[in-house]
Amino acid sequence: MIFNLLGMLDLIVAVAPCIMTNLGSAQGLLHDTDLRNDTYFPLALVPTFPVPLAFVLHAVSLWQLLHGSAR
């Protein structure tokens, strides 16, 4: 259970600064640095798909641990 809670906390801590500083948007990143769109776009997919998927997997695992349905 500790692994799942720390994993969820890690995902929140990793994404929260990007959201708060507006570095999560392409416009903010491209304005601050000289990256082109084709180099930024693959990086934008990481917080869009794998991070929420990992969060949901931690939540499902925690749910199963708490309700005893994991065998």
PDB file of N, CA and C in Angstrom:
ATOM      1  N   MET A   1       0.820  -1.187   0.000  1.00  0.00           N
ATOM      2  CA  MET A   1       0.000   0.000   0.000  1.00  0.00           C
ATOM      3  C   MET A   1       0.868   1.256   0.000  1.00  0.00           C
ATOM      4  N   ILE A   2       1.996   1.183   0.700  1.00  0.00           N
ATOM      5  CA  ILE A   2       2.892   2.344   0.749  1.00  0.00           C
ATOM      6  C   ILE A   2       3.455   2.632  -0.643  1.00  0.00           C
ATOM      7  N   PHE A   3       3.798   1.578  -1.385  1.00  0.00           N
ATOM      8  CA  PHE A   3       4.309   1.757  -2.743  1.00  0.00           C
ATOM      9  C   PHE A   3       3.301   2.504  -3.615  1.00  0.00           C
ATOM     10  N   ASN A   4       2.040   2.124  -3.525  1.00  0.00           N
ATOM     11  CA  ASN A   4       1.006   2.778  -4.337  1.00  0.00           C
ATOM     12  C   ASN A   4       0.804   4.227  -3.922  1.00  0.00           C
ATOM     13  N   LEU A   5       0.781   4.492  -2.632  1.00  0.00           N
ATOM     14  CA  LEU A   5       0.600   5.865  -2.168  1.00  0.00           C
ATOM     15  C   LEU A   5       1.782   6.749  -2.557  1.00  0.00           C
ATOM     16  N   LEU A   6       2.992   6.231  -2.410  1.00  0.00           N
ATOM     17  CA  LEU A   6       4.168   7.004  -2.797  1.00  0.00           C
ATOM     18  C   LEU A   6       4.242   7.183  -4.312  1.00  0.00           C
ATOM     19  N   GLY A   7       3.806   6.186  -5.068  1.00  0.00           N
ATOM     20  CA  GLY A   7       3.770   6.305  -6.521  1.00  0.00           C
ATOM     21  C   GLY A   7       2.795   7.376  -6.978  1.00  0.00           C
ATOM     22  N   MET A   8       1.631   7.426  -6.346  1.00  0.00           N
ATOM     23  CA  MET A   8       0.649   8.455  -6.684  1.00  0.00           C
ATOM     24  C   MET A   8       1.165   9.839  -6.295  1.00  0.00           C
ATOM     25  N   LEU A   9       1.788   9.930  -5.137  1.00  0.00           N
ATOM     26  CA  LEU A   9       2.355  11.202  -4.697  1.00  0.00           C
ATOM     27  C   LEU A   9       3.468  11.658  -5.641  1.00  0.00           C
ATOM     28  N   ASP A  10       4.274  10.727  -6.103  1.00  0.00           N
ATOM     29  CA  ASP A  10       5.347  11.061  -7.039  1.00  0.00           C
ATOM     30  C   ASP A  10       4.797  11.610  -8.348  1.00  0.00           C
ATOM     31  N   LEU A  11       3.733  11.015  -8.844  1.00  0.00           N
ATOM     32  CA  LEU A  11       3.130  11.496 -10.091  1.00  0.00           C
ATOM     33  C   LEU A  11       2.546  12.897  -9.912  1.00  0.00           C
ATOM     34  N   ILE A  12       1.944  13.148  -8.776  1.00  0.00           N
ATOM     35  CA  ILE A  12       1.384  14.476  -8.510  1.00  0.00           C
ATOM     36  C   ILE A  12       2.493  15.505  -8.389  1.00  0.00           C
ATOM     37  N   VAL A  13       3.548  15.168  -7.658  1.00  0.00           N
ATOM     38  CA  VAL A  13       4.659  16.097  -7.456  1.00  0.00           C
ATOM     39  C   VAL A  13       5.403  16.353  -8.776  1.00  0.00           C
ATOM     40  N   ALA A  14       5.456  15.374  -9.657  1.00  0.00           N
ATOM     41  CA  ALA A  14       6.157  15.552 -10.926  1.00  0.00           C
ATOM     42  C   ALA A  14       5.384  16.443 -11.892  1.00  0.00           C
ATOM     43  N   VAL A  15       4.063  16.390 -11.869  1.00  0.00           N
ATOM     44  CA  VAL A  15       3.249  17.135 -12.828  1.00  0.00           C
ATOM     45  C   VAL A  15       2.845  18.510 -12.301  1.00  0.00           C
ATOM     46  N   ALA A  16       2.673  18.647 -11.003  1.00  0.00           N
ATOM     47  CA  ALA A  16       2.183  19.901 -10.419  1.00  0.00           C
ATOM     48  C   ALA A  16       3.049  21.120 -10.755  1.00  0.00           C
ATOM     49  N   PRO A  17       4.365  21.053 -10.660  1.00  0.00           N
ATOM     50  CA  PRO A  17       5.159  22.246 -11.007  1.00  0.00           C
ATOM     51  C   PRO A  17       5.001  22.664 -12.466  1.00  0.00           C
ATOM     52  N   CYS A  18       4.847  21.707 -13.365  1.00  0.00           N
ATOM     53  CA  CYS A  18       4.644  22.049 -14.776  1.00  0.00           C
ATOM     54  C   CYS A  18       3.325  22.780 -14.976  1.00  0.00           C
ATOM     55  N   ILE A  19       2.319  22.357 -14.274  1.00  0.00           N
ATOM     56  CA  ILE A  19       1.013  23.005 -14.407  1.00  0.00           C
ATOM     57  C   ILE A  19       1.058  24.394 -13.781  1.00  0.00           C
ATOM     58  N   MET A  20       1.682  24.513 -12.626  1.00  0.00           N
ATOM     59  CA  MET A  20       1.702  25.798 -11.921  1.00  0.00           C
ATOM     60  C   MET A  20       2.557  26.838 -12.638  1.00  0.00           C
ATOM     61  N   THR A  21       3.606  26.415 -13.323  1.00  0.00           N
ATOM     62  CA  THR A  21       4.477  27.375 -13.999  1.00  0.00           C
ATOM     63  C   THR A  21       4.139  27.525 -15.479  1.00  0.00           C
ATOM     64  N   ASN A  22       3.093  26.847 -15.922  1.00  0.00           N
ATOM     65  CA  ASN A  22       2.634  26.910 -17.305  1.00  0.00           C
ATOM     66  C   ASN A  22       3.671  26.374 -18.284  1.00  0.00           C
ATOM     67  N   LEU A  23       4.533  25.502 -17.816  1.00  0.00           N
ATOM     68  CA  LEU A  23       5.473  24.852 -18.729  1.00  0.00           C
ATOM     69  C   LEU A  23       4.842  23.651 -19.403  1.00  0.00           C
ATOM     70  N   GLY A  24       3.641  23.308 -18.982  1.00  0.00           N
ATOM     71  CA  GLY A  24       2.962  22.190 -19.599  1.00  0.00           C
ATOM     72  C   GLY A  24       2.414  22.514 -20.966  1.00  0.00           C
ATOM     73  N   SER A  25       2.311  23.780 -21.300  1.00  0.00           N
ATOM     74  CA  SER A  25       1.778  24.135 -22.619  1.00  0.00           C
ATOM     75  C   SER A  25       2.920  24.335 -23.604  1.00  0.00           C
ATOM     76  N   ALA A  26       2.645  24.050 -24.840  1.00  0.00           N
ATOM     77  CA  ALA A  26       3.658  24.208 -25.878  1.00  0.00           C
ATOM     78  C   ALA A  26       4.044  25.670 -26.037  1.00  0.00           C
ATOM     79  N   GLN A  27       3.085  26.558 -25.879  1.00  0.00           N
ATOM     80  CA  GLN A  27       3.369  27.978 -26.049  1.00  0.00           C
ATOM     81  C   GLN A  27       4.352  28.467 -24.982  1.00  0.00           C
ATOM     82  N   GLY A  28       4.164  28.051 -23.742  1.00  0.00           N
ATOM     83  CA  GLY A  28       5.067  28.469 -22.679  1.00  0.00           C
ATOM     84  C   GLY A  28       6.468  27.933 -22.874  1.00  0.00           C
ATOM     85  N   LEU A  29       6.571  26.676 -23.293  1.00  0.00           N
ATOM     86  CA  LEU A  29       7.885  26.076 -23.494  1.00  0.00           C
ATOM     87  C   LEU A  29       8.576  26.674 -24.710  1.00  0.00           C
ATOM     88  N   LEU A  30       7.838  26.851 -25.785  1.00  0.00           N
ATOM     89  CA  LEU A  30       8.451  27.385 -26.993  1.00  0.00           C
ATOM     90  C   LEU A  30       8.823  28.851 -26.833  1.00  0.00           C
ATOM     91  N   HIS A  31       8.114  29.547 -25.980  1.00  0.00           N
ATOM     92  CA  HIS A  31       8.441  30.948 -25.746  1.00  0.00           C
ATOM     93  C   HIS A  31       9.740  31.076 -24.943  1.00  0.00           C
ATOM     94  N   ASP A  32       9.943  30.168 -23.985  1.00  0.00           N
ATOM     95  CA  ASP A  32      11.115  30.255 -23.118  1.00  0.00           C
ATOM     96  C   ASP A  32      12.384  29.714 -23.770  1.00  0.00           C
ATOM     97  N   THR A  33      12.248  28.738 -24.626  1.00  0.00           N
ATOM     98  CA  THR A  33      13.425  28.137 -25.249  1.00  0.00           C
ATOM     99  C   THR A  33      13.261  28.168 -26.758  1.00  0.00           C
ATOM    100  N   ASP A  34      14.239  27.682 -27.449  1.00  0.00           N
ATOM    101  CA  ASP A  34      14.208  27.710 -28.904  1.00  0.00           C
ATOM    102  C   ASP A  34      13.881  26.350 -29.501  1.00  0.00           C
ATOM    103  N   LEU A  35      13.060  25.565 -28.829  1.00  0.00           N
ATOM    104  CA  LEU A  35      12.689  24.253 -29.348  1.00  0.00           C
ATOM    105  C   LEU A  35      11.657  24.397 -30.455  1.00  0.00           C
ATOM    106  N   ARG A  36      11.737  23.520 -31.416  1.00  0.00           N
ATOM    107  CA  ARG A  36      10.745  23.522 -32.493  1.00  0.00           C
ATOM    108  C   ARG A  36       9.583  22.624 -32.099  1.00  0.00           C
ATOM    109  N   ASN A  37       8.462  22.749 -32.788  1.00  0.00           N
ATOM    110  CA  ASN A  37       7.275  21.954 -32.484  1.00  0.00           C
ATOM    111  C   ASN A  37       7.516  20.456 -32.612  1.00  0.00           C
ATOM    112  N   ASP A  38       8.285  20.028 -33.594  1.00  0.00           N
ATOM    113  CA  ASP A  38       8.483  18.599 -33.783  1.00  0.00           C
ATOM    114  C   ASP A  38       9.347  17.970 -32.689  1.00  0.00           C
ATOM    115  N   THR A  39      10.103  18.754 -31.963  1.00  0.00           N
ATOM    116  CA  THR A  39      10.861  18.196 -30.839  1.00  0.00           C
ATOM    117  C   THR A  39      10.077  18.264 -29.545  1.00  0.00           C
ATOM    118  N   TYR A  40       9.096  19.152 -29.453  1.00  0.00           N
ATOM    119  CA  TYR A  40       8.309  19.271 -28.225  1.00  0.00           C
ATOM    120  C   TYR A  40       7.153  18.292 -28.193  1.00  0.00           C
ATOM    121  N   PHE A  41       6.529  18.022 -29.340  1.00  0.00           N
ATOM    122  CA  PHE A  41       5.311  17.231 -29.362  1.00  0.00           C
ATOM    123  C   PHE A  41       5.459  15.856 -28.705  1.00  0.00           C
ATOM    124  N   PRO A  42       6.503  15.074 -28.978  1.00  0.00           N
ATOM    125  CA  PRO A  42       6.604  13.778 -28.287  1.00  0.00           C
ATOM    126  C   PRO A  42       6.701  13.930 -26.773  1.00  0.00           C
ATOM    127  N   LEU A  43       7.331  14.995 -26.295  1.00  0.00           N
ATOM    128  CA  LEU A  43       7.422  15.209 -24.854  1.00  0.00           C
ATOM    129  C   LEU A  43       6.066  15.555 -24.250  1.00  0.00           C
ATOM    130  N   ALA A  44       5.182  16.151 -25.032  1.00  0.00           N
ATOM    131  CA  ALA A  44       3.851  16.497 -24.544  1.00  0.00           C
ATOM    132  C   ALA A  44       2.996  15.257 -24.328  1.00  0.00           C
ATOM    133  N   LEU A  45       3.324  14.157 -24.989  1.00  0.00           N
ATOM    134  CA  LEU A  45       2.542  12.942 -24.835  1.00  0.00           C
ATOM    135  C   LEU A  45       2.799  12.244 -23.501  1.00  0.00           C
ATOM    136  N   VAL A  46       3.934  12.481 -22.887  1.00  0.00           N
ATOM    137  CA  VAL A  46       4.256  11.811 -21.622  1.00  0.00           C
ATOM    138  C   VAL A  46       3.284  12.205 -20.507  1.00  0.00           C
ATOM    139  N   PRO A  47       3.061  13.505 -20.226  1.00  0.00           N
ATOM    140  CA  PRO A  47       2.097  13.815 -19.159  1.00  0.00           C
ATOM    141  C   PRO A  47       0.647  13.613 -19.591  1.00  0.00           C
ATOM    142  N   THR A  48       0.414  13.451 -20.898  1.00  0.00           N
ATOM    143  CA  THR A  48      -0.956  13.305 -21.378  1.00  0.00           C
ATOM    144  C   THR A  48      -1.477  11.883 -21.227  1.00  0.00           C
ATOM    145  N   PHE A  49      -0.658  10.871 -21.502  1.00  0.00           N
ATOM    146  CA  PHE A  49      -1.140   9.501 -21.473  1.00  0.00           C
ATOM    147  C   PHE A  49      -0.513   8.617 -20.389  1.00  0.00           C
ATOM    148  N   PRO A  50       0.814   8.450 -20.330  1.00  0.00           N
ATOM    149  CA  PRO A  50       1.370   7.515 -19.350  1.00  0.00           C
ATOM    150  C   PRO A  50       1.191   7.949 -17.888  1.00  0.00           C
ATOM    151  N   VAL A  51       1.240   9.246 -17.621  1.00  0.00           N
ATOM    152  CA  VAL A  51       1.104   9.693 -16.227  1.00  0.00           C
ATOM    153  C   VAL A  51      -0.295   9.402 -15.688  1.00  0.00           C
ATOM    154  N   PRO A  52      -1.386   9.781 -16.398  1.00  0.00           N
ATOM    155  CA  PRO A  52      -2.708   9.407 -15.883  1.00  0.00           C
ATOM    156  C   PRO A  52      -2.923   7.891 -15.834  1.00  0.00           C
ATOM    157  N   LEU A  53      -2.355   7.172 -16.799  1.00  0.00           N
ATOM    158  CA  LEU A  53      -2.481   5.713 -16.788  1.00  0.00           C
ATOM    159  C   LEU A  53      -1.798   5.122 -15.557  1.00  0.00           C
ATOM    160  N   ALA A  54      -0.601   5.581 -15.249  1.00  0.00           N
ATOM    161  CA  ALA A  54       0.101   5.092 -14.060  1.00  0.00           C
ATOM    162  C   ALA A  54      -0.669   5.448 -12.791  1.00  0.00           C
ATOM    163  N   PHE A  55      -1.253   6.645 -12.751  1.00  0.00           N
ATOM    164  CA  PHE A  55      -2.037   7.056 -11.577  1.00  0.00           C
ATOM    165  C   PHE A  55      -3.247   6.140 -11.395  1.00  0.00           C
ATOM    166  N   VAL A  56      -3.936   5.837 -12.484  1.00  0.00           N
ATOM    167  CA  VAL A  56      -5.106   4.953 -12.413  1.00  0.00           C
ATOM    168  C   VAL A  56      -4.685   3.545 -12.011  1.00  0.00           C
ATOM    169  N   LEU A  57      -3.572   3.061 -12.528  1.00  0.00           N
ATOM    170  CA  LEU A  57      -3.104   1.729 -12.141  1.00  0.00           C
ATOM    171  C   LEU A  57      -2.754   1.663 -10.656  1.00  0.00           C
ATOM    172  N   HIS A  58      -2.139   2.715 -10.129  1.00  0.00           N
ATOM    173  CA  HIS A  58      -1.879   2.766  -8.686  1.00  0.00           C
ATOM    174  C   HIS A  58      -3.185   2.788  -7.909  1.00  0.00           C
ATOM    175  N   ALA A  59      -4.163   3.550  -8.367  1.00  0.00           N
ATOM    176  CA  ALA A  59      -5.450   3.645  -7.677  1.00  0.00           C
ATOM    177  C   ALA A  59      -6.187   2.302  -7.687  1.00  0.00           C
ATOM    178  N   VAL A  60      -6.173   1.610  -8.824  1.00  0.00           N
ATOM    179  CA  VAL A  60      -6.841   0.300  -8.914  1.00  0.00           C
ATOM    180  C   VAL A  60      -6.143  -0.712  -8.012  1.00  0.00           C
ATOM    181  N   SER A  61      -4.824  -0.694  -8.017  1.00  0.00           N
ATOM    182  CA  SER A  61      -4.077  -1.605  -7.154  1.00  0.00           C
ATOM    183  C   SER A  61      -4.366  -1.332  -5.683  1.00  0.00           C
ATOM    184  N   LEU A  62      -4.415  -0.066  -5.321  1.00  0.00           N
ATOM    185  CA  LEU A  62      -4.731   0.305  -3.938  1.00  0.00           C
ATOM    186  C   LEU A  62      -6.145  -0.108  -3.583  1.00  0.00           C
ATOM    187  N   TRP A  63      -7.084   0.071  -4.496  1.00  0.00           N
ATOM    188  CA  TRP A  63      -8.477  -0.330  -4.277  1.00  0.00           C
ATOM    189  C   TRP A  63      -8.550  -1.838  -4.028  1.00  0.00           C
ATOM    190  N   GLN A  64      -7.840  -2.617  -4.831  1.00  0.00           N
ATOM    191  CA  GLN A  64      -7.853  -4.061  -4.670  1.00  0.00           C
ATOM    192  C   GLN A  64      -7.211  -4.487  -3.349  1.00  0.00           C
ATOM    193  N   LEU A  65      -6.148  -3.803  -2.959  1.00  0.00           N
ATOM    194  CA  LEU A  65      -5.518  -4.124  -1.679  1.00  0.00           C
ATOM    195  C   LEU A  65      -6.429  -3.824  -0.503  1.00  0.00           C
ATOM    196  N   LEU A  66      -7.142  -2.720  -0.580  1.00  0.00           N
ATOM    197  CA  LEU A  66      -8.012  -2.315   0.527  1.00  0.00           C
ATOM    198  C   LEU A  66      -9.262  -3.174   0.617  1.00  0.00           C
ATOM    199  N   HIS A  67      -9.771  -3.652  -0.499  1.00  0.00           N
ATOM    200  CA  HIS A  67     -11.015  -4.427  -0.479  1.00  0.00           C
ATOM    201  C   HIS A  67     -10.782  -5.914  -0.544  1.00  0.00           C
ATOM    202  N   GLY A  68      -9.541  -6.336  -0.583  1.00  0.00           N
ATOM    203  CA  GLY A  68      -9.215  -7.751  -0.506  1.00  0.00           C
ATOM    204  C   GLY A  68      -9.586  -8.573  -1.719  1.00  0.00           C
ATOM    205  N   SER A  69      -9.784  -7.944  -2.881  1.00  0.00           N
ATOM    206  CA  SER A  69     -10.156  -8.714  -4.059  1.00  0.00           C
ATOM    207  C   SER A  69      -8.931  -9.145  -4.862  1.00  0.00           C
ATOM    208  N   ALA A  70      -7.750  -8.701  -4.499  1.00  0.00           N
ATOM    209  CA  ALA A  70      -6.543  -9.141  -5.188  1.00  0.00           C
ATOM    210  C   ALA A  70      -6.153 -10.517  -4.666  1.00  0.00           C
ATOM    211  N   ARG A  71      -5.946 -11.452  -5.562  1.00  0.00           N
ATOM    212  CA  ARG A  71      -5.635 -12.818  -5.120  1.00  0.00           C
ATOM    213  C   ARG A  71      -4.243 -13.212  -5.503  1.00  0.00           C
TER     214      ARG A  71
END
